[in-house]
N, C-alpha and C. Protein backbone atom coordinates (compact mmCIF):
# COMPACT_ATOMS: atom_id res chain seq x y z
N MET A 1 1.11 -1.16 -0.08
CA MET A 1 0.12 -0.26 -0.12
C MET A 1 0.81 1.35 0.20
N THR A 2 0.92 2.16 -0.69
CA THR A 2 1.58 3.28 -0.66
C THR A 2 1.26 4.45 0.14
N ALA A 3 2.18 5.28 0.51
CA ALA A 3 2.33 5.85 1.78
C ALA A 3 0.61 6.84 1.73
N THR A 4 0.48 7.72 0.56
CA THR A 4 -0.79 8.04 0.90
C THR A 4 -1.49 7.58 1.31
N LYS A 5 -1.44 6.56 0.44
CA LYS A 5 -2.85 5.69 0.51
C LYS A 5 -3.61 5.75 2.19
N GLU A 6 -2.19 4.98 2.63
CA GLU A 6 -2.22 4.06 4.14
C GLU A 6 -2.54 5.25 4.58
N TRP A 7 -2.20 6.47 4.26
CA TRP A 7 -2.96 7.48 5.30
C TRP A 7 -4.22 8.15 5.83
N ALA A 8 -4.66 7.74 3.92
CA ALA A 8 -5.65 8.33 4.01
C ALA A 8 -6.92 7.40 4.26
N ARG A 9 -6.99 6.30 4.48
CA ARG A 9 -7.11 5.17 5.19
C ARG A 9 -7.19 4.46 6.17
N SER A 10 -6.56 5.25 6.69
CA SER A 10 -6.67 5.52 8.35
C SER A 10 -7.43 6.15 8.55
N ARG A 11 -7.72 7.89 8.32
CA ARG A 11 -8.48 8.44 8.03
C ARG A 11 -9.82 8.08 8.17
N ALA A 12 -9.86 6.92 7.06
CA ALA A 12 -11.60 7.37 6.60
C ALA A 12 -12.49 5.43 6.32
N PRO A 13 -11.83 4.83 7.64
CA PRO A 13 -11.59 3.07 7.49
C PRO A 13 -13.40 2.76 6.88
N LEU A 14 -14.33 3.53 7.85
CA LEU A 14 -15.34 3.36 7.61
C LEU A 14 -16.55 3.49 6.84
N ALA A 15 -15.81 4.29 5.52
CA ALA A 15 -16.39 5.67 4.65
C ALA A 15 -16.29 4.90 3.62
N PRO A 16 -16.77 3.81 2.71
CA PRO A 16 -16.83 3.74 1.18
C PRO A 16 -16.79 4.42 0.32
N GLU A 17 -17.81 5.59 0.57
CA GLU A 17 -18.19 6.62 -0.31
C GLU A 17 -16.96 7.28 -0.82
N LEU A 18 -15.10 7.40 0.29
CA LEU A 18 -14.28 8.24 0.54
C LEU A 18 -12.46 6.98 -0.40
N ALA A 19 -13.12 5.77 -0.91
CA ALA A 19 -12.36 4.96 -1.16
C ALA A 19 -11.75 5.86 -2.23
N GLU A 20 -12.49 6.50 -3.65
CA GLU A 20 -11.90 6.63 -4.60
C GLU A 20 -10.86 8.10 -3.92
N TRP A 21 -11.15 9.09 -3.24
CA TRP A 21 -10.18 10.21 -2.40
C TRP A 21 -9.58 9.00 -1.87
N ALA A 22 -8.79 8.53 -0.71
CA ALA A 22 -7.84 7.05 -0.36
C ALA A 22 -6.73 6.99 -1.58
N CYS A 23 -7.55 7.13 -2.74
CA CYS A 23 -6.39 6.88 -4.17
C CYS A 23 -6.00 7.53 -4.89
N MET A 24 -6.33 8.18 -4.55
CA MET A 24 -5.74 10.13 -5.38
C MET A 24 -4.55 10.07 -5.54
N TRP A 25 -3.74 10.27 -5.99
CA TRP A 25 -2.20 10.77 -6.09
C TRP A 25 -2.01 11.69 -7.09
N PRO A 26 -1.34 12.87 -6.40
CA PRO A 26 -1.48 13.47 -5.12
C PRO A 26 -2.72 13.28 -4.44
N LEU A 27 -2.53 13.29 -3.08
CA LEU A 27 -3.57 13.05 -2.16
C LEU A 27 -4.43 14.64 -1.50
N PRO A 28 -5.47 14.96 -2.28
CA PRO A 28 -6.34 16.33 -1.40
C PRO A 28 -5.97 16.25 0.41
N ILE A 29 -5.71 17.49 0.87
CA ILE A 29 -5.48 17.12 1.92
C ILE A 29 -5.83 18.39 2.86
N GLY A 30 -6.65 19.43 1.91
CA GLY A 30 -6.96 20.72 2.23
C GLY A 30 -8.55 20.94 2.13
N ARG A 31 -8.78 21.29 2.99
CA ARG A 31 -10.32 21.00 2.98
C ARG A 31 -10.96 21.49 2.07
N SER A 32 -10.12 22.64 1.21
CA SER A 32 -11.39 23.64 0.79
C SER A 32 -11.20 22.60 -0.89
N GLY A 33 -9.81 22.81 -1.27
CA GLY A 33 -9.53 21.20 -2.47
C GLY A 33 -9.97 20.06 -2.32
N PHE A 34 -10.48 19.10 -0.88
CA PHE A 34 -11.58 18.07 -0.54
C PHE A 34 -12.96 18.56 -0.83
N VAL A 35 -13.42 19.65 -0.65
CA VAL A 35 -14.58 20.15 -0.81
C VAL A 35 -14.91 19.70 -2.37
N ASP A 36 -13.86 20.61 -2.43
CA ASP A 36 -14.30 21.62 -4.47
C ASP A 36 -13.90 19.37 -5.20
N SER A 37 -13.79 18.72 -5.17
CA SER A 37 -13.71 17.45 -5.78
C SER A 37 -14.81 16.65 -5.65
N PHE A 38 -15.32 16.37 -4.00
CA PHE A 38 -16.11 15.50 -3.65
C PHE A 38 -17.49 16.07 -3.27
N GLN A 39 -18.02 17.34 -3.45
CA GLN A 39 -19.19 17.69 -3.13
C GLN A 39 -20.10 17.69 -3.74
N ASN A 40 -20.21 16.79 -4.98
CA ASN A 40 -21.09 16.36 -5.44
C ASN A 40 -21.12 14.97 -6.08
N ARG A 41 -19.75 14.69 -5.18
CA ARG A 41 -19.65 12.24 -5.07
C ARG A 41 -20.89 12.15 -3.84
N VAL A 42 -20.14 12.85 -2.70
CA VAL A 42 -20.73 11.91 -1.28
C VAL A 42 -21.53 12.52 -0.35
N PRO A 43 -22.30 12.18 0.27
CA PRO A 43 -23.55 13.56 1.01
C PRO A 43 -22.82 14.01 1.70
N TRP A 44 -24.10 15.30 1.91
CA TRP A 44 -23.27 16.61 2.59
C TRP A 44 -22.92 16.35 4.36
N SER A 45 -23.66 15.60 4.46
CA SER A 45 -23.42 15.16 5.65
C SER A 45 -21.31 14.49 5.93
N LEU A 46 -21.22 14.37 5.40
CA LEU A 46 -20.14 13.01 4.93
C LEU A 46 -19.20 13.52 4.81
N LEU A 47 -18.95 14.44 4.14
CA LEU A 47 -18.20 15.58 3.25
C LEU A 47 -17.74 16.81 4.53
N TRP A 48 -19.07 17.00 5.24
CA TRP A 48 -18.55 18.28 6.04
C TRP A 48 -18.29 17.72 7.40
N ALA A 49 -18.57 16.74 8.04
CA ALA A 49 -18.28 15.89 9.23
C ALA A 49 -16.60 15.26 8.77
N PHE A 50 -16.42 15.09 7.63
CA PHE A 50 -14.90 14.53 7.25
C PHE A 50 -13.98 16.04 6.61
N GLU A 51 -14.21 17.01 6.14
CA GLU A 51 -13.54 17.78 5.98
C GLU A 51 -13.02 18.34 7.01
N ALA A 52 -13.61 18.53 8.13
CA ALA A 52 -13.21 19.04 9.44
C ALA A 52 -12.14 18.83 9.95
N GLY A 53 -11.73 17.17 9.52
CA GLY A 53 -10.82 16.34 9.69
C GLY A 53 -9.62 16.28 9.61
N LEU A 54 -9.55 17.50 8.11
CA LEU A 54 -8.16 17.10 7.61
C LEU A 54 -7.36 18.24 8.54
N PRO A 55 -6.21 18.53 7.49
CA PRO A 55 -4.64 18.84 7.84
C PRO A 55 -5.04 19.88 7.72
N PHE A 56 -5.48 20.37 6.51
CA PHE A 56 -5.47 21.98 5.99
C PHE A 56 -6.58 22.54 5.86
N ASP A 57 -6.12 24.11 5.49
CA ASP A 57 -7.62 24.67 4.89
C ASP A 57 -8.24 25.27 3.65
N ARG A 58 -6.28 24.88 2.63
CA ARG A 58 -7.02 25.38 1.12
C ARG A 58 -7.00 24.34 0.58
N SER A 59 -6.26 24.53 -0.88
CA SER A 59 -5.73 22.83 -1.53
C SER A 59 -4.89 22.42 -1.53
N GLU A 60 -4.44 22.26 -0.42
CA GLU A 60 -3.28 21.44 -0.06
C GLU A 60 -3.24 19.90 -0.90
N ALA A 61 -2.44 19.18 -1.45
CA ALA A 61 -2.00 18.39 -1.72
C ALA A 61 -0.76 18.00 -1.63
N ALA A 62 -0.35 15.87 -0.93
CA ALA A 62 0.71 15.56 -0.78
C ALA A 62 0.64 14.47 -1.81
N SER A 63 1.90 14.89 -2.15
CA SER A 63 2.50 13.36 -2.96
C SER A 63 3.66 12.64 -1.89
N PHE A 64 3.15 12.47 -0.25
CA PHE A 64 4.00 11.86 0.09
C PHE A 64 3.71 11.91 1.69
N VAL A 65 3.56 11.02 2.35
CA VAL A 65 2.65 11.48 3.82
C VAL A 65 3.32 10.50 5.09
N LYS A 66 3.71 10.45 5.71
CA LYS A 66 4.78 9.68 6.41
C LYS A 66 4.81 9.94 8.06
N THR A 67 3.99 9.21 9.37
CA THR A 67 4.40 9.35 10.21
C THR A 67 5.12 9.05 11.22
N PHE A 68 5.70 9.85 12.17
CA PHE A 68 6.77 8.99 13.10
C PHE A 68 6.76 9.27 14.49
N PHE A 69 6.77 8.45 15.55
CA PHE A 69 6.58 8.31 16.44
C PHE A 69 7.73 9.08 17.61
N ILE A 70 7.50 10.08 18.42
CA ILE A 70 8.89 9.86 19.45
C ILE A 70 7.99 10.39 20.63
N GLU A 71 8.54 8.75 21.38
CA GLU A 71 7.92 8.74 22.41
C GLU A 71 7.02 9.35 22.77
N ASP A 72 5.84 10.20 23.29
CA ASP A 72 4.78 11.01 23.78
C ASP A 72 4.35 11.65 22.42
N THR A 73 5.07 11.30 21.23
CA THR A 73 5.00 13.23 20.22
C THR A 73 4.88 11.87 18.96
N THR A 74 3.69 12.74 18.26
CA THR A 74 3.73 12.20 17.07
C THR A 74 4.05 13.26 16.02
N LEU A 75 4.59 13.81 14.85
CA LEU A 75 4.73 13.91 13.97
C LEU A 75 4.43 13.02 12.78
N VAL A 76 3.71 13.62 11.80
CA VAL A 76 3.21 13.77 10.33
C VAL A 76 4.26 14.07 9.78
N PHE A 77 4.76 14.44 8.71
CA PHE A 77 5.36 14.56 7.50
C PHE A 77 4.72 14.42 6.16
N PHE A 78 4.22 15.69 5.06
CA PHE A 78 3.46 15.94 4.32
C PHE A 78 4.76 16.86 3.07
N GLY A 79 4.61 16.12 2.43
CA GLY A 79 5.50 15.84 1.09
C GLY A 79 4.61 16.90 0.11
N LEU A 80 4.44 18.21 -0.02
CA LEU A 80 3.20 18.70 -0.80
C LEU A 80 3.36 19.26 -2.07
N SER A 81 3.07 18.89 -3.13
CA SER A 81 3.53 19.26 -4.36
C SER A 81 2.05 21.09 -4.84
N GLU A 82 2.19 20.93 -5.85
CA GLU A 82 1.70 22.43 -6.47
C GLU A 82 1.11 22.35 -7.66
N ILE A 83 0.23 22.97 -8.23
CA ILE A 83 -0.25 23.23 -9.74
C ILE A 83 1.10 24.37 -10.31
N THR A 84 1.85 24.52 -10.75
CA THR A 84 2.73 26.10 -11.53
C THR A 84 1.77 25.99 -13.24
N ILE A 85 2.27 27.20 -13.29
CA ILE A 85 1.68 27.77 -14.49
C ILE A 85 2.78 29.01 -15.33
N THR A 86 3.19 28.42 -16.51
CA THR A 86 3.97 29.10 -17.09
C THR A 86 3.15 29.52 -18.07
N GLU A 87 3.14 31.00 -18.69
CA GLU A 87 2.26 32.07 -20.27
C GLU A 87 3.38 31.58 -20.12
N ILE A 88 3.07 31.14 -21.79
CA ILE A 88 3.30 31.53 -23.41
C ILE A 88 2.80 32.45 -24.37
N GLU A 89 3.15 33.44 -24.05
CA GLU A 89 2.35 34.45 -25.46
C GLU A 89 1.63 33.38 -26.55
N GLU A 90 2.27 32.13 -27.26
CA GLU A 90 1.29 31.95 -28.47
C GLU A 90 2.48 30.44 -28.12
N ASP A 91 1.23 29.97 -29.52
CA ASP A 91 1.92 28.24 -29.53
C ASP A 91 2.59 28.38 -30.68
N GLU A 92 2.73 27.18 -31.41
CA GLU A 92 3.04 27.05 -33.10
C GLU A 92 2.03 27.84 -34.13
N ASP A 93 1.01 27.15 -33.09
CA ASP A 93 -0.35 27.86 -34.65
C ASP A 93 -0.67 29.32 -33.99
N GLY A 94 -0.03 29.75 -32.96
CA GLY A 94 -0.13 31.68 -33.03
C GLY A 94 -1.51 31.40 -31.90
N ASP A 95 -1.50 30.42 -31.05
CA ASP A 95 -3.02 30.87 -30.08
C ASP A 95 -2.45 31.21 -29.19
N ARG A 96 -3.09 31.76 -28.00
CA ARG A 96 -1.86 32.38 -26.48
C ARG A 96 -2.16 30.63 -25.59
N CYS A 97 -1.64 30.57 -25.13
CA CYS A 97 -1.24 29.62 -24.48
C CYS A 97 -0.35 29.12 -23.08
N SER A 98 -0.97 28.67 -22.23
CA SER A 98 -0.22 28.28 -20.97
C SER A 98 0.17 26.69 -20.91
N LEU A 99 1.52 26.79 -20.27
CA LEU A 99 1.82 25.47 -19.99
C LEU A 99 1.80 25.01 -18.25
N VAL A 100 0.85 24.02 -18.07
CA VAL A 100 0.67 23.25 -16.62
C VAL A 100 1.37 22.56 -16.07
N GLU A 101 1.90 22.40 -15.40
CA GLU A 101 2.83 21.33 -14.86
C GLU A 101 2.67 21.27 -12.86
N ARG A 102 2.76 19.67 -12.73
CA ARG A 102 2.13 20.10 -10.97
C ARG A 102 4.26 19.99 -10.49
N ARG A 103 4.31 20.29 -9.36
CA ARG A 103 6.01 20.04 -9.56
C ARG A 103 5.54 19.87 -7.67
N MET A 104 7.09 19.39 -7.07
CA MET A 104 6.56 19.32 -5.85
C MET A 104 7.32 20.54 -5.06
N THR A 105 6.78 20.69 -4.11
CA THR A 105 6.92 22.40 -3.34
C THR A 105 7.82 22.05 -1.64
N ALA A 106 7.66 22.52 -1.21
CA ALA A 106 7.72 22.86 -0.01
C ALA A 106 7.46 21.59 1.42
N PRO A 107 7.55 21.15 2.35
CA PRO A 107 6.75 20.31 2.76
C PRO A 107 6.01 20.92 4.58
N THR A 108 5.48 20.40 5.32
CA THR A 108 4.67 20.62 5.90
C THR A 108 4.48 19.95 7.12
N PHE A 109 4.26 20.05 8.08
CA PHE A 109 4.13 18.37 9.64
C PHE A 109 3.05 19.03 10.06
N VAL A 110 1.93 18.19 10.76
CA VAL A 110 1.72 17.92 11.75
C VAL A 110 2.10 17.46 13.82
N ILE A 111 2.70 17.91 14.27
CA ILE A 111 2.97 17.69 15.17
C ILE A 111 1.78 17.90 16.58
N SER A 112 1.48 16.68 17.16
CA SER A 112 0.42 16.00 18.56
C SER A 112 1.08 15.53 19.37
N GLY A 113 0.79 16.19 20.83
CA GLY A 113 1.73 14.75 21.63
C GLY A 113 1.44 15.59 22.83
N ALA A 114 2.28 15.09 24.02
CA ALA A 114 2.61 16.18 25.19
C ALA A 114 3.59 17.15 24.91
N ASN A 115 4.76 16.89 24.32
CA ASN A 115 5.95 17.18 23.93
C ASN A 115 6.06 17.36 22.92
N PRO A 116 5.23 18.47 22.00
CA PRO A 116 5.70 18.78 20.55
C PRO A 116 7.40 19.40 20.53
N ALA A 117 7.78 20.00 21.45
CA ALA A 117 9.05 21.05 21.30
C ALA A 117 10.10 20.13 21.73
N THR A 118 10.23 19.28 21.57
CA THR A 118 11.59 17.99 22.31
C THR A 118 12.82 18.69 21.13
N ASN A 119 13.96 18.36 21.56
CA ASN A 119 15.21 18.89 20.98
C ASN A 119 14.63 17.44 19.97
N ASP A 120 14.66 16.75 20.54
CA ASP A 120 14.57 14.83 19.28
C ASP A 120 13.62 15.49 18.19
N VAL A 121 12.23 16.32 18.79
CA VAL A 121 11.41 16.76 17.04
C VAL A 121 11.86 17.67 16.84
N ARG A 122 12.07 18.82 16.91
CA ARG A 122 13.03 19.16 16.46
C ARG A 122 14.25 19.38 15.22
N LYS A 123 14.80 18.42 15.72
CA LYS A 123 15.53 17.29 15.09
C LYS A 123 14.95 16.93 13.22
N LEU A 124 14.48 15.68 14.31
CA LEU A 124 13.64 15.32 13.23
C LEU A 124 13.01 16.51 12.44
N ARG A 125 12.48 17.34 12.76
CA ARG A 125 11.67 17.89 11.53
C ARG A 125 12.46 18.77 10.60
N THR A 126 14.00 18.99 11.41
CA THR A 126 14.89 20.48 10.33
C THR A 126 15.73 18.66 9.28
N ASP A 127 15.55 17.53 9.66
CA ASP A 127 16.24 16.73 9.16
C ASP A 127 15.69 16.43 8.03
N LEU A 128 13.86 16.75 7.91
CA LEU A 128 13.51 16.26 7.51
C LEU A 128 12.93 16.87 6.05
N ALA A 129 12.45 17.71 7.15
CA ALA A 129 12.96 20.01 5.70
C ALA A 129 14.14 19.65 4.41
N GLU A 130 15.20 19.50 5.68
CA GLU A 130 16.30 19.05 4.94
C GLU A 130 16.37 18.69 3.59
N TYR A 131 15.75 16.99 3.64
CA TYR A 131 16.17 16.03 2.72
C TYR A 131 15.36 16.43 1.82
N TRP A 132 13.91 17.27 1.83
CA TRP A 132 13.59 17.18 1.11
C TRP A 132 12.80 18.27 0.38
N LYS A 133 14.31 19.60 0.63
CA LYS A 133 14.93 20.00 -0.06
C LYS A 133 15.49 19.79 -1.69
N GLY A 134 15.96 18.25 -1.21
CA GLY A 134 16.58 17.72 -3.08
C GLY A 134 15.15 17.56 -3.75
N TRP A 135 14.19 17.44 -3.50
CA TRP A 135 12.80 17.36 -4.68
C TRP A 135 12.51 18.85 -4.62
N GLU A 136 12.40 19.56 -4.14
CA GLU A 136 11.58 20.52 -4.16
C GLU A 136 11.91 21.33 -5.64
N GLY A 137 10.58 21.90 -6.78
CA GLY A 137 10.64 21.86 -7.92
C GLY A 137 10.75 20.61 -8.42
N PHE A 138 10.97 19.70 -8.06
CA PHE A 138 10.66 18.54 -9.48
C PHE A 138 9.22 18.85 -10.22
N LYS A 139 9.07 17.89 -11.28
CA LYS A 139 7.78 17.88 -12.13
C LYS A 139 7.76 16.67 -12.20
N PHE A 140 6.94 16.25 -11.71
CA PHE A 140 6.05 14.83 -12.02
C PHE A 140 4.93 15.04 -12.36
N SER A 141 4.50 13.35 -12.13
CA SER A 141 2.88 13.16 -13.01
C SER A 141 2.11 12.29 -12.93
N ALA A 142 1.37 12.98 -12.15
CA ALA A 142 -0.26 11.70 -11.65
C ALA A 142 -0.59 10.61 -13.05
N GLY A 143 -0.08 10.98 -14.09
CA GLY A 143 -0.50 9.88 -15.06
C GLY A 143 0.58 10.48 -16.33
N PRO A 144 0.77 9.21 -17.77
CA PRO A 144 1.81 9.40 -18.98
C PRO A 144 1.22 10.93 -19.61
N GLY A 145 1.57 10.85 -20.84
CA GLY A 145 1.88 12.55 -21.18
C GLY A 145 2.89 13.36 -20.74
N ARG A 146 2.60 14.35 -22.12
CA ARG A 146 3.48 15.74 -22.05
C ARG A 146 3.27 16.38 -21.32
N PRO A 147 3.56 17.71 -20.30
CA PRO A 147 3.01 19.22 -20.37
C PRO A 147 1.76 19.43 -20.87
N VAL A 148 0.73 19.91 -20.00
CA VAL A 148 -0.29 20.76 -20.33
C VAL A 148 -0.56 21.77 -21.05
N LYS A 149 -0.55 21.53 -22.42
CA LYS A 149 -0.73 23.32 -23.19
C LYS A 149 -1.55 23.24 -23.25
N VAL A 150 -2.50 24.98 -22.79
CA VAL A 150 -3.86 25.05 -22.50
C VAL A 150 -4.15 26.58 -23.44
N THR A 151 -4.88 26.42 -24.14
CA THR A 151 -5.00 27.51 -25.39
C THR A 151 -6.06 28.51 -24.10
N ASP A 152 -6.72 29.33 -24.57
CA ASP A 152 -7.41 30.26 -23.95
C ASP A 152 -9.02 30.04 -24.34
N ALA A 153 -8.92 29.44 -25.22
CA ALA A 153 -10.68 28.51 -25.96
C ALA A 153 -10.26 27.06 -25.37
N VAL A 154 -9.44 26.17 -24.63
CA VAL A 154 -10.14 25.08 -23.90
C VAL A 154 -9.59 25.95 -22.46
N LEU A 155 -9.26 26.68 -22.81
CA LEU A 155 -9.39 26.93 -20.58
C LEU A 155 -10.98 27.62 -20.40
N GLU A 156 -11.98 28.36 -21.61
CA GLU A 156 -12.75 28.54 -21.23
C GLU A 156 -13.64 27.71 -20.87
N GLU A 157 -13.82 26.58 -21.88
CA GLU A 157 -13.96 25.36 -22.41
C GLU A 157 -14.26 24.44 -20.07
N ALA A 158 -12.96 24.57 -20.18
CA ALA A 158 -12.47 24.05 -18.46
C ALA A 158 -13.33 24.85 -17.60
N ARG A 159 -13.60 26.30 -17.85
CA ARG A 159 -14.18 27.02 -17.08
C ARG A 159 -15.56 26.59 -16.97
N LEU A 160 -16.63 26.63 -17.98
CA LEU A 160 -17.94 26.69 -17.75
C LEU A 160 -18.16 24.86 -17.59
N ASP A 161 -17.23 23.57 -17.77
CA ASP A 161 -17.22 22.52 -18.02
C ASP A 161 -17.59 22.56 -16.21
N TYR A 162 -16.24 22.99 -15.12
CA TYR A 162 -16.99 23.47 -13.71
C TYR A 162 -17.93 24.26 -13.04
N VAL A 163 -18.03 25.29 -14.17
CA VAL A 163 -19.59 26.17 -12.71
C VAL A 163 -20.62 24.81 -13.88
N ALA A 164 -20.43 23.55 -14.59
CA ALA A 164 -21.46 22.71 -14.77
C ALA A 164 -21.79 21.92 -13.86
N THR A 165 -20.64 21.64 -13.01
CA THR A 165 -20.33 19.98 -12.20
C THR A 165 -20.84 20.78 -11.02
N PHE A 166 -19.87 22.23 -10.46
CA PHE A 166 -20.10 22.87 -8.95
C PHE A 166 -20.83 23.77 -8.79
N SER A 167 -21.60 24.18 -9.93
CA SER A 167 -22.44 25.29 -9.95
C SER A 167 -21.74 27.01 -9.38
N LYS A 168 -20.48 26.66 -9.31
CA LYS A 168 -20.05 28.36 -9.14
C LYS A 168 -19.00 28.03 -10.19
N GLN A 169 -17.80 29.88 -10.03
CA GLN A 169 -17.22 29.94 -10.42
C GLN A 169 -16.06 29.64 -10.27
N PRO A 170 -14.85 29.19 -10.24
CA PRO A 170 -13.87 28.65 -9.87
C PRO A 170 -12.75 29.74 -9.96
N THR A 171 -11.64 29.86 -8.91
CA THR A 171 -10.69 30.50 -8.49
C THR A 171 -9.83 29.72 -9.69
N ARG A 172 -8.94 30.58 -10.12
CA ARG A 172 -7.58 30.33 -10.97
C ARG A 172 -7.74 28.67 -10.38
N GLU A 173 -6.84 28.93 -9.20
CA GLU A 173 -5.83 27.83 -8.69
C GLU A 173 -7.34 26.06 -9.43
N GLN A 174 -8.24 26.10 -8.79
CA GLN A 174 -9.58 25.26 -8.69
C GLN A 174 -9.51 24.59 -10.51
N LEU A 175 -9.66 25.77 -11.21
CA LEU A 175 -9.74 26.18 -12.45
C LEU A 175 -8.03 24.79 -13.66
N TRP A 176 -7.42 25.29 -12.79
CA TRP A 176 -6.02 24.46 -13.18
C TRP A 176 -6.40 22.95 -12.39
N ALA A 177 -6.82 23.12 -11.33
CA ALA A 177 -7.03 22.05 -10.77
C ALA A 177 -7.64 20.73 -11.74
N HIS A 178 -8.56 21.22 -12.50
CA HIS A 178 -9.65 20.92 -13.17
C HIS A 178 -8.92 20.27 -14.78
N LEU A 179 -8.72 21.10 -14.64
CA LEU A 179 -7.93 20.80 -15.96
C LEU A 179 -7.12 19.61 -15.62
N LEU A 180 -6.12 19.50 -15.21
CA LEU A 180 -5.16 18.43 -14.30
C LEU A 180 -5.87 17.38 -14.31
N ASP A 181 -6.80 17.02 -14.17
CA ASP A 181 -8.03 16.03 -13.18
C ASP A 181 -8.63 15.49 -14.53
N PHE A 182 -8.69 16.12 -15.43
CA PHE A 182 -9.31 15.07 -16.52
C PHE A 182 -7.82 15.36 -17.77
N ASP A 183 -6.97 15.87 -17.69
CA ASP A 183 -6.03 15.85 -18.80
C ASP A 183 -4.70 15.81 -17.80
N PRO A 184 -4.56 14.82 -16.84
CA PRO A 184 -3.26 15.16 -16.44
C PRO A 184 -1.93 14.61 -17.95
N GLY A 185 -0.89 15.62 -16.66
CA GLY A 185 1.03 15.53 -17.49
C GLY A 185 1.42 16.30 -17.13
N GLY A 186 2.55 16.00 -17.80
CA GLY A 186 4.23 16.60 -17.27
C GLY A 186 4.95 15.36 -17.60
N PRO A 187 6.36 15.62 -17.76
CA PRO A 187 7.10 14.79 -17.94
C PRO A 187 6.94 13.86 -16.54
N VAL A 188 7.65 12.42 -16.84
CA VAL A 188 7.50 12.21 -15.84
C VAL A 188 9.32 12.17 -14.60
N GLU A 189 9.68 13.44 -14.28
CA GLU A 189 10.94 13.33 -14.10
C GLU A 189 11.28 12.48 -12.58
N VAL A 190 10.25 13.13 -11.50
CA VAL A 190 10.35 12.19 -10.23
C VAL A 190 8.94 11.17 -10.45
N SER A 191 9.02 9.64 -9.94
CA SER A 191 7.74 8.99 -9.93
C SER A 191 6.75 8.68 -8.83
N ARG A 192 5.62 8.43 -8.53
CA ARG A 192 5.27 8.15 -6.69
C ARG A 192 6.24 7.05 -6.48
N SER A 193 6.49 6.10 -7.12
CA SER A 193 7.51 4.91 -6.84
C SER A 193 9.10 5.27 -6.54
N THR A 194 9.42 6.32 -7.55
CA THR A 194 10.56 6.91 -6.86
C THR A 194 10.69 7.89 -5.48
N ILE A 195 9.83 8.28 -5.33
CA ILE A 195 9.31 8.94 -3.96
C ILE A 195 9.13 8.19 -3.01
N TYR A 196 8.66 6.83 -3.11
CA TYR A 196 8.15 5.95 -1.97
C TYR A 196 9.47 5.04 -1.84
N ARG A 197 10.52 4.87 -2.83
CA ARG A 197 11.25 4.00 -2.55
C ARG A 197 12.59 5.07 -1.83
N ARG A 198 13.20 6.17 -2.46
CA ARG A 198 14.02 7.02 -1.71
C ARG A 198 13.18 7.50 -0.48
N LEU A 199 11.97 7.61 0.49
CA LEU A 199 11.18 8.02 1.12
C LEU A 199 11.31 7.10 2.05
N SER A 200 11.54 5.55 1.94
CA SER A 200 10.87 4.40 2.89
C SER A 200 11.31 4.23 4.56
N SER A 201 12.47 5.21 4.44
CA SER A 201 13.60 5.12 5.58
C SER A 201 13.49 6.47 6.79
N PRO A 202 13.10 6.25 8.16
CA PRO A 202 12.87 5.39 8.90
C PRO A 202 11.24 4.89 8.74
N SER A 203 11.30 3.82 9.36
CA SER A 203 10.00 3.48 9.52
C SER A 203 8.94 3.95 10.60
N LYS A 204 7.67 3.74 10.25
CA LYS A 204 6.65 4.41 11.25
C LYS A 204 7.11 3.74 12.84
């Protein structure tokens, strides 16, 4: 079982409606992103009850999750990713377009327990953050294909599809995420298996 899936299933062991969420990679772990993705897929009572327990507020997505226990303290490490947008004035056909990719970004942590500020906890956090710097900026893909090159016309089609699906106008971030959900792309410069293999130690 992959690291994000293992963590996700531990959050929703009795919610079969969220099986799709647990299998997503990168995994939406921000409340806003989760609600945007599942508001028309699961009952509202489950949606709101579950999103309240997610660790972050916005559209954060994790490409790697690992839990560490230090005496009576728990540290959960989240290696995050984000959508990057490179504006291109025009492509080979003369159409205005943008290049959309997913990239690794800075990690974040959730620390709980009786002694979250011990020297051992601080050292582990520092060491993990320092190691993750080697991954920051890497492009990766949730599926095969080239970087997504999007014209203004396709962007408008995606906006209309988002409105039809969610009954509201998307933010810029939501719109690009919606595009990549339908057409994930980007050169596989670092893959999920590579991340998990390289980050498999120490154990939980």
